[in-house]
Amino acid sequence: MALLYRTWFGFSGWLAAVVLWLVLFQGQVLWWQPAALWALFALLWLITRKLGAHPGALPFTAALVFLGWIFLTRLDPHLAQGHFQGVLLGSGFYLLGLLVPVCQLPLRRLWAWAALSLLAITLIWGETAGGARAWLTVAGVRFQPVELAKIFFILYLGKHLAPGTSLWELAFFLASFCLLLAWQRDLGPAALVFLVFIWLSLRQAFSWYKLAGFLAALGAGFAAGAYLFPHVQTRVLAWLRPWDYLGSKGYQVLQGLFALNSGGLVGQGLGEGLVQVIPHGHTDYILAIIGEELGFLGTAALLLCYLGLAFWAARILQDLTGGEQLTGLGLTLLLHLQVFLVAGGILRFLPFTGLTLPFVSYGTTSLVAQFGMLGLVAGLSRGGEG
């Protein structure tokens, strides 16, 4: 715990220096936003400790959130304002997850039906953006229901993946979830949830035949998506042959690789990158922008924050059993496999999925969902060492 306190105060000094740089050299006047966020995270720390939960995720989350705010400020102060508001809203969902024992509620099928209902409503009344029908507007508020649907489905899996449960029921809900997302042409979340399902299922009962079957299903789904959906074909071609489509499909991929390469070991320096040449830099490709300005060392430090979150969750999960442990593991995987898919897509190890970088990219709905997941996992540690 003493190490966490020293890390927190060291991070606070770094944050103050960066904000001073933004005010003096970039002309930014939104210095009060990081100050308010610092106070918010300190308050969340105190509340988490008071409730007997482990607050170790908050310093890592704060570092990711502040890094996102800094780079969104570089791109457009209005984006930073949206990021700030998303964190405020997300902190409420963190507290909700912390206080309400959601993982203990006997609502197994209700979670699955809630996830499917959100996707079905989006399919009927949703709005299309970026090739996917993934947005919904209610009372003037525009959000992505799939971010909440993913959490609901993981809560279902955590309850259902236990010995003696119905495989037909699981197959029905999983197939329905993936097919609804495919119908919306939003295949990134479908792939993410299916990967989490594979991990949880193999953890429960490993079999090489089962693994082969899962990989075959994943490959068949990928091939079907590339065959049926033009935007998936575009991403596959941009992944396999970006140089052949330098001025069109491959432009974003290549600009991201150029940015990472120009960053080198220590980066071009904060404020010195060519941030405007990368399409969707505030959402899909913010990791490439960070890599250009902070270099390999800065990017490695960013990824170490996610590793820290993983170790924090592992410490909590080792004291749990049964459905609670599976649910906590599923939520942890949902966050970290998304980081893997984003980084793999930017580095061209994998086809790009269009997912956001957790806690860093711009996106209010994703921020709220990610804070809610942290709250749920932290809530599982209540009554522990704190």
Protein backbone atom coordinates (compact mmCIF):
# COMPACT_ATOMS: atom_id res chain seq x y z
CA MET A 1 0.00 0.00 0.00
CA ALA A 2 2.85 2.40 0.73
CA LEU A 3 4.12 1.82 -2.81
CA LEU A 4 0.72 2.79 -4.19
CA TYR A 5 0.75 6.01 -2.19
CA ARG A 6 4.23 6.91 -3.48
CA THR A 7 3.15 6.07 -7.04
CA TRP A 8 0.07 8.24 -6.68
CA PHE A 9 1.97 11.29 -5.46
CA GLY A 10 4.69 10.82 -8.08
CA PHE A 11 2.03 10.62 -10.75
CA SER A 12 0.40 13.78 -9.37
CA GLY A 13 3.66 15.69 -9.79
CA TRP A 14 3.99 14.46 -13.39
CA LEU A 15 0.41 15.48 -14.11
CA ALA A 16 0.96 18.97 -12.71
CA ALA A 17 4.03 19.42 -14.92
CA VAL A 18 2.15 18.32 -18.06
CA VAL A 19 -0.80 20.60 -17.32
CA LEU A 20 1.59 23.52 -16.76
CA TRP A 21 3.17 22.73 -20.14
CA LEU A 22 -0.27 22.74 -21.80
CA VAL A 23 -1.11 26.12 -20.26
CA LEU A 24 2.21 27.84 -21.00
CA PHE A 25 3.16 26.44 -24.40
CA GLN A 26 -0.10 25.22 -25.96
CA GLY A 27 -2.35 28.00 -24.72
CA GLN A 28 -4.83 25.55 -23.15
CA VAL A 29 -7.00 27.00 -20.38
CA LEU A 30 -8.80 23.84 -19.24
CA TRP A 31 -6.36 23.26 -16.36
CA TRP A 32 -9.28 22.87 -13.93
CA GLN A 33 -10.43 19.65 -15.61
CA PRO A 34 -7.41 17.51 -14.62
CA ALA A 35 -7.53 19.12 -11.17
CA ALA A 36 -11.17 18.07 -10.83
CA LEU A 37 -10.37 14.58 -12.11
CA TRP A 38 -7.51 14.25 -9.61
CA ALA A 39 -9.91 15.13 -6.80
CA LEU A 40 -12.48 12.68 -8.20
CA PHE A 41 -10.03 9.77 -8.25
CA ALA A 42 -8.86 10.64 -4.73
CA LEU A 43 -12.50 10.57 -3.59
CA LEU A 44 -13.12 7.23 -5.34
CA TRP A 45 -10.01 5.85 -3.60
CA LEU A 46 -11.29 6.91 -0.18
CA ILE A 47 -14.79 5.54 -0.80
CA THR A 48 -13.42 2.23 -2.09
CA ARG A 49 -11.18 1.87 0.96
CA LYS A 50 -14.04 2.83 3.30
CA LEU A 51 -16.26 0.12 1.82
CA GLY A 52 -13.60 -2.52 2.39
CA ALA A 53 -12.78 -3.07 -1.30
CA HIS A 54 -9.36 -3.05 -2.92
CA PRO A 55 -8.65 0.35 -4.57
CA GLY A 56 -5.50 -0.74 -6.41
CA ALA A 57 -7.07 -0.26 -9.86
CA LEU A 58 -7.61 3.47 -9.41
CA PRO A 59 -3.99 4.74 -9.81
CA PHE A 60 -3.59 2.78 -13.06
CA THR A 61 -6.99 3.92 -14.30
CA ALA A 62 -6.19 7.52 -13.41
CA ALA A 63 -2.94 7.36 -15.41
CA LEU A 64 -4.82 6.01 -18.46
CA VAL A 65 -7.63 8.56 -18.15
CA PHE A 66 -5.25 11.50 -17.77
CA LEU A 67 -3.12 10.34 -20.69
CA GLY A 68 -6.24 10.16 -22.81
CA TRP A 69 -7.28 13.64 -21.69
CA ILE A 70 -3.85 15.07 -22.54
CA PHE A 71 -3.82 13.68 -26.08
CA LEU A 72 -7.46 14.53 -26.73
CA THR A 73 -6.63 18.09 -25.62
CA ARG A 74 -3.83 18.04 -28.20
CA LEU A 75 -6.30 17.00 -30.90
CA ASP A 76 -9.29 19.14 -29.94
CA PRO A 77 -10.19 20.65 -26.52
CA HIS A 78 -13.84 19.81 -27.21
CA LEU A 79 -12.89 16.13 -27.29
CA ALA A 80 -11.15 16.54 -23.93
CA GLN A 81 -14.34 18.11 -22.57
CA GLY A 82 -16.32 15.07 -23.70
CA HIS A 83 -13.72 12.78 -22.15
CA PHE A 84 -13.99 14.69 -18.89
CA GLN A 85 -17.77 14.35 -18.84
CA GLY A 86 -17.51 10.65 -19.65
CA VAL A 87 -15.23 10.06 -16.67
CA LEU A 88 -17.64 11.92 -14.37
CA LEU A 89 -20.52 9.75 -15.56
CA GLY A 90 -18.36 6.64 -15.47
CA SER A 91 -17.40 7.25 -11.85
CA GLY A 92 -21.08 6.99 -10.94
CA PHE A 93 -21.26 3.60 -12.62
CA TYR A 94 -18.06 2.56 -10.82
CA LEU A 95 -19.73 3.31 -7.51
CA LEU A 96 -22.88 1.49 -8.64
CA GLY A 97 -20.86 -1.62 -9.47
CA LEU A 98 -19.00 -1.29 -6.19
CA LEU A 99 -22.12 -0.96 -4.04
CA VAL A 100 -24.61 -3.31 -5.73
CA PRO A 101 -23.69 -7.03 -5.52
CA VAL A 102 -24.67 -7.58 -9.15
CA CYS A 103 -22.62 -10.78 -9.48
CA GLN A 104 -24.57 -12.35 -6.62
CA LEU A 105 -28.04 -11.65 -7.99
CA PRO A 106 -29.89 -14.79 -9.21
CA LEU A 107 -30.73 -13.27 -12.59
CA ARG A 108 -28.80 -15.51 -14.95
CA ARG A 109 -31.13 -15.57 -17.96
CA LEU A 110 -32.27 -12.00 -17.39
CA TRP A 111 -28.75 -10.76 -18.17
CA ALA A 112 -28.75 -12.65 -21.48
CA TRP A 113 -32.20 -11.39 -22.46
CA ALA A 114 -31.19 -7.83 -21.51
CA ALA A 115 -28.15 -8.06 -23.78
CA LEU A 116 -30.16 -9.43 -26.69
CA SER A 117 -32.90 -6.83 -26.17
CA LEU A 118 -30.41 -3.96 -26.33
CA LEU A 119 -28.97 -5.33 -29.59
CA ALA A 120 -32.42 -5.94 -31.09
CA ILE A 121 -33.57 -2.40 -30.25
CA THR A 122 -30.41 -1.01 -31.82
CA LEU A 123 -30.98 -3.10 -34.93
CA ILE A 124 -34.50 -1.72 -35.34
CA TRP A 125 -34.10 1.92 -34.30
CA GLY A 126 -30.34 2.43 -34.34
CA GLU A 127 -28.17 4.72 -36.44
CA THR A 128 -25.36 3.71 -38.79
CA ALA A 129 -21.83 5.10 -38.46
CA GLY A 130 -18.57 3.67 -39.76
CA GLY A 131 -20.38 0.86 -41.56
CA ALA A 132 -22.05 -0.49 -38.39
CA ARG A 133 -25.56 0.09 -37.06
CA ALA A 134 -24.34 0.52 -33.51
CA TRP A 135 -25.73 3.83 -32.23
CA LEU A 136 -29.00 4.68 -30.51
CA THR A 137 -30.45 8.06 -29.54
CA VAL A 138 -32.84 8.25 -26.57
CA ALA A 139 -34.14 11.59 -25.30
CA GLY A 140 -31.38 13.39 -27.19
CA VAL A 141 -28.62 11.19 -25.73
CA ARG A 142 -26.62 9.21 -28.32
CA PHE A 143 -24.84 6.09 -27.09
CA GLN A 144 -23.68 2.60 -28.09
CA PRO A 145 -25.87 -0.07 -26.46
CA VAL A 146 -23.38 -2.82 -27.36
CA GLU A 147 -21.01 -1.53 -24.66
CA LEU A 148 -23.59 -2.38 -21.99
CA ALA A 149 -24.75 -5.52 -23.82
CA LYS A 150 -21.22 -6.95 -23.63
CA ILE A 151 -21.18 -6.59 -19.84
CA PHE A 152 -24.67 -8.11 -19.48
CA PHE A 153 -23.64 -11.10 -21.56
CA ILE A 154 -20.48 -11.67 -19.52
CA LEU A 155 -22.59 -11.58 -16.35
CA TYR A 156 -24.72 -14.31 -17.92
CA LEU A 157 -21.69 -16.39 -18.90
CA GLY A 158 -20.23 -16.11 -15.40
CA LYS A 159 -23.42 -17.61 -13.97
CA HIS A 160 -24.01 -20.16 -16.71
CA LEU A 161 -20.59 -21.68 -17.36
CA ALA A 162 -20.70 -24.19 -14.56
CA PRO A 163 -20.96 -28.00 -14.51
CA GLY A 164 -24.40 -29.36 -15.32
CA THR A 165 -25.80 -26.32 -17.13
CA SER A 166 -27.64 -26.53 -20.44
CA LEU A 167 -25.38 -26.37 -23.49
CA TRP A 168 -28.38 -25.80 -25.77
CA GLU A 169 -29.37 -22.69 -23.83
CA LEU A 170 -25.82 -21.38 -23.96
CA ALA A 171 -25.56 -22.08 -27.69
CA PHE A 172 -28.86 -20.27 -28.32
CA PHE A 173 -27.90 -17.12 -26.43
CA LEU A 174 -24.33 -17.02 -27.77
CA ALA A 175 -25.42 -17.56 -31.38
CA SER A 176 -28.19 -14.96 -31.03
CA PHE A 177 -25.76 -12.42 -29.56
CA CYS A 178 -23.21 -12.88 -32.35
CA LEU A 179 -25.84 -12.98 -35.13
CA LEU A 180 -27.48 -9.76 -33.94
CA LEU A 181 -24.11 -8.03 -33.95
CA ALA A 182 -23.35 -9.46 -37.40
CA TRP A 183 -26.70 -8.16 -38.62
CA GLN A 184 -25.70 -4.73 -37.30
CA ARG A 185 -22.34 -5.19 -39.09
CA ASP A 186 -20.57 -4.60 -35.78
CA LEU A 187 -18.25 -7.60 -35.77
CA GLY A 188 -15.53 -6.27 -33.42
CA PRO A 189 -17.60 -6.68 -30.23
CA ALA A 190 -18.85 -10.07 -31.46
CA ALA A 191 -15.27 -11.31 -31.87
CA LEU A 192 -14.30 -9.88 -28.48
CA VAL A 193 -17.15 -11.58 -26.60
CA PHE A 194 -16.56 -14.86 -28.42
CA LEU A 195 -12.89 -14.79 -27.42
CA VAL A 196 -13.89 -14.22 -23.79
CA PHE A 197 -16.32 -17.14 -24.05
CA ILE A 198 -13.58 -19.39 -25.46
CA TRP A 199 -11.23 -18.51 -22.60
CA LEU A 200 -13.85 -19.07 -19.90
CA SER A 201 -15.08 -22.32 -21.44
CA LEU A 202 -11.58 -23.75 -21.76
CA ARG A 203 -10.78 -22.71 -18.21
CA GLN A 204 -13.76 -24.67 -16.96
CA ALA A 205 -12.92 -27.83 -18.92
CA PHE A 206 -9.98 -27.81 -21.30
CA SER A 207 -10.01 -30.08 -24.33
CA TRP A 208 -7.93 -29.95 -27.50
CA TYR A 209 -11.01 -30.96 -29.47
CA LYS A 210 -12.96 -28.12 -27.94
CA LEU A 211 -10.16 -25.67 -28.71
CA ALA A 212 -10.01 -26.88 -32.32
CA GLY A 213 -13.77 -26.48 -32.63
CA PHE A 214 -13.68 -22.96 -31.24
CA LEU A 215 -10.85 -21.93 -33.57
CA ALA A 216 -12.73 -23.43 -36.54
CA ALA A 217 -15.86 -21.47 -35.56
CA LEU A 218 -13.81 -18.29 -35.19
CA GLY A 219 -12.21 -18.82 -38.61
CA ALA A 220 -15.57 -19.55 -40.23
CA GLY A 221 -17.06 -16.41 -38.72
CA PHE A 222 -14.13 -14.33 -39.95
CA ALA A 223 -14.43 -15.76 -43.47
CA ALA A 224 -18.19 -15.22 -43.54
CA GLY A 225 -17.81 -11.63 -42.35
CA ALA A 226 -15.16 -10.90 -45.00
CA TYR A 227 -17.39 -12.43 -47.68
CA LEU A 228 -20.68 -10.78 -46.67
CA PHE A 229 -19.74 -7.29 -45.48
CA PRO A 230 -17.87 -4.74 -47.65
CA HIS A 231 -16.42 -2.83 -44.69
CA VAL A 232 -14.92 -6.08 -43.34
CA GLN A 233 -13.43 -6.79 -46.78
CA THR A 234 -11.91 -3.30 -46.70
CA ARG A 235 -10.28 -3.95 -43.31
CA VAL A 236 -8.95 -7.33 -44.42
CA LEU A 237 -7.38 -5.85 -47.56
CA ALA A 238 -5.94 -2.97 -45.51
CA TRP A 239 -4.43 -5.56 -43.16
CA LEU A 240 -3.01 -7.90 -45.79
CA ARG A 241 -1.95 -5.46 -48.52
CA PRO A 242 -1.92 -1.87 -47.23
CA TRP A 243 0.75 -0.75 -49.70
CA ASP A 244 -1.52 -1.65 -52.62
CA TYR A 245 -4.15 0.77 -51.26
CA LEU A 246 -1.93 3.59 -50.01
CA GLY A 247 -4.40 6.32 -50.94
CA SER A 248 -7.58 4.55 -49.82
CA LYS A 249 -8.11 1.39 -47.75
CA GLY A 250 -4.55 1.15 -46.44
CA TYR A 251 -4.06 4.83 -45.61
CA GLN A 252 -5.04 4.63 -41.93
CA VAL A 253 -3.03 1.45 -41.31
CA LEU A 254 0.10 2.85 -42.93
CA GLN A 255 -0.15 6.23 -41.23
CA GLY A 256 -0.37 4.44 -37.89
CA LEU A 257 2.72 2.38 -38.68
CA PHE A 258 4.59 5.48 -39.88
CA ALA A 259 3.70 7.27 -36.63
CA LEU A 260 4.93 4.41 -34.46
CA ASN A 261 8.13 4.11 -36.48
CA SER A 262 8.88 7.84 -36.28
CA GLY A 263 8.38 7.74 -32.51
CA GLY A 264 11.43 5.54 -32.04
CA LEU A 265 12.56 4.87 -28.49
CA VAL A 266 11.62 8.12 -26.74
CA GLY A 267 9.23 9.76 -29.22
CA GLN A 268 9.08 13.03 -31.08
CA GLY A 269 8.05 14.83 -27.90
CA LEU A 270 4.68 15.87 -26.55
CA GLY A 271 3.09 18.24 -29.04
CA GLU A 272 5.52 17.44 -31.86
CA GLY A 273 3.66 14.62 -33.65
CA LEU A 274 1.67 14.91 -36.87
CA VAL A 275 -1.55 13.98 -35.13
CA GLN A 276 -3.90 15.34 -37.80
CA VAL A 277 -2.80 12.96 -40.57
CA ILE A 278 -4.13 9.82 -38.84
CA PRO A 279 -7.86 9.25 -39.46
CA HIS A 280 -9.95 8.62 -36.35
CA GLY A 281 -6.96 9.37 -34.14
CA HIS A 282 -9.18 10.28 -31.20
CA THR A 283 -10.89 6.86 -31.15
CA ASP A 284 -9.47 3.95 -33.14
CA TYR A 285 -5.86 5.08 -33.49
CA ILE A 286 -4.98 7.07 -30.39
CA LEU A 287 -2.33 4.46 -29.52
CA ALA A 288 -0.44 5.34 -32.71
CA ILE A 289 -0.48 9.03 -31.77
CA ILE A 290 0.84 8.24 -28.30
CA GLY A 291 3.54 6.06 -29.83
CA GLU A 292 4.68 8.86 -32.14
CA GLU A 293 4.99 11.49 -29.41
CA LEU A 294 6.11 9.34 -26.44
CA GLY A 295 7.92 6.59 -28.32
CA PHE A 296 8.38 2.95 -27.39
CA LEU A 297 9.06 3.78 -23.73
CA GLY A 298 5.86 5.82 -23.39
CA THR A 299 3.81 3.16 -25.15
CA ALA A 300 5.34 0.47 -22.93
CA ALA A 301 4.46 2.51 -19.83
CA LEU A 302 0.88 2.76 -21.11
CA LEU A 303 0.65 -1.00 -21.61
CA LEU A 304 2.16 -1.58 -18.16
CA CYS A 305 -0.82 0.28 -16.69
CA TYR A 306 -3.10 -2.35 -18.24
CA LEU A 307 -0.80 -5.05 -16.88
CA GLY A 308 -1.14 -3.45 -13.46
CA LEU A 309 -4.93 -3.64 -13.78
CA ALA A 310 -4.62 -7.32 -14.70
CA PHE A 311 -2.52 -8.08 -11.60
CA TRP A 312 -4.98 -6.14 -9.44
CA ALA A 313 -7.85 -8.23 -10.77
CA ALA A 314 -5.86 -11.47 -10.38
CA ARG A 315 -5.24 -10.66 -6.72
CA ILE A 316 -8.98 -10.31 -6.19
CA LEU A 317 -9.96 -13.37 -8.23
CA GLN A 318 -7.62 -15.74 -6.40
CA ASP A 319 -9.77 -15.39 -3.28
CA LEU A 320 -13.04 -16.10 -5.12
CA THR A 321 -14.71 -19.31 -6.26
CA GLY A 322 -17.51 -20.46 -8.54
CA GLY A 323 -19.63 -18.00 -10.48
CA GLU A 324 -18.11 -14.91 -8.84
CA GLN A 325 -14.62 -15.90 -9.94
CA LEU A 326 -15.81 -16.68 -13.48
CA THR A 327 -17.68 -13.40 -13.72
CA GLY A 328 -14.72 -11.39 -12.47
CA LEU A 329 -12.41 -13.20 -14.88
CA GLY A 330 -14.83 -12.58 -17.76
CA LEU A 331 -14.98 -8.84 -17.04
CA THR A 332 -11.18 -8.68 -16.75
CA LEU A 333 -10.76 -10.50 -20.06
CA LEU A 334 -13.34 -8.24 -21.70
CA LEU A 335 -11.15 -5.25 -20.89
CA HIS A 336 -7.72 -6.73 -21.61
CA LEU A 337 -8.55 -8.67 -24.75
CA GLN A 338 -9.88 -5.40 -26.15
CA VAL A 339 -6.48 -3.82 -25.51
CA PHE A 340 -4.87 -6.80 -27.27
CA LEU A 341 -7.15 -6.46 -30.32
CA VAL A 342 -6.57 -2.70 -30.56
CA ALA A 343 -2.78 -2.94 -30.23
CA GLY A 344 -2.63 -5.94 -32.57
CA GLY A 345 -4.67 -4.10 -35.19
CA ILE A 346 -2.48 -0.98 -35.08
CA LEU A 347 0.71 -3.06 -35.23
CA ARG A 348 -0.81 -5.08 -38.10
CA PHE A 349 -0.58 -8.39 -36.28
CA LEU A 350 -4.37 -8.68 -36.60
CA PRO A 351 -7.09 -7.14 -38.76
CA PHE A 352 -8.24 -3.87 -37.23
CA THR A 353 -11.53 -4.24 -35.32
CA GLY A 354 -12.47 -0.58 -34.79
CA LEU A 355 -12.57 -0.98 -31.00
CA THR A 356 -11.47 1.83 -28.69
CA LEU A 357 -8.48 1.77 -26.35
CA PRO A 358 -9.99 1.43 -22.83
CA PHE A 359 -9.96 4.57 -20.67
CA VAL A 360 -7.82 6.44 -23.24
CA SER A 361 -9.83 6.78 -26.46
CA TYR A 362 -12.69 9.22 -26.86
CA GLY A 363 -16.10 7.62 -26.27
CA THR A 364 -18.53 8.30 -23.44
CA THR A 365 -20.39 4.99 -23.61
CA SER A 366 -17.22 2.93 -23.59
CA LEU A 367 -15.82 4.94 -20.66
CA VAL A 368 -18.99 4.43 -18.66
CA ALA A 369 -18.99 0.69 -19.38
CA GLN A 370 -15.32 0.30 -18.50
CA PHE A 371 -15.72 2.13 -15.20
CA GLY A 372 -18.73 -0.05 -14.47
CA MET A 373 -16.64 -3.18 -15.06
CA LEU A 374 -13.95 -1.92 -12.68
CA GLY A 375 -16.60 -1.25 -10.06
CA LEU A 376 -18.02 -4.76 -10.42
CA VAL A 377 -14.60 -6.38 -10.02
CA ALA A 378 -13.70 -4.11 -7.10
CA GLY A 379 -17.04 -4.98 -5.51
CA LEU A 380 -16.04 -8.64 -5.47
CA SER A 381 -13.19 -7.74 -3.09
CA ARG A 382 -15.40 -6.08 -0.46
CA GLY A 383 -14.63 -7.40 2.96
CA GLY A 384 -11.06 -8.30 1.93
CA GLU A 385 -7.85 -6.56 2.83
CA GLY A 386 -8.71 -3.36 0.89
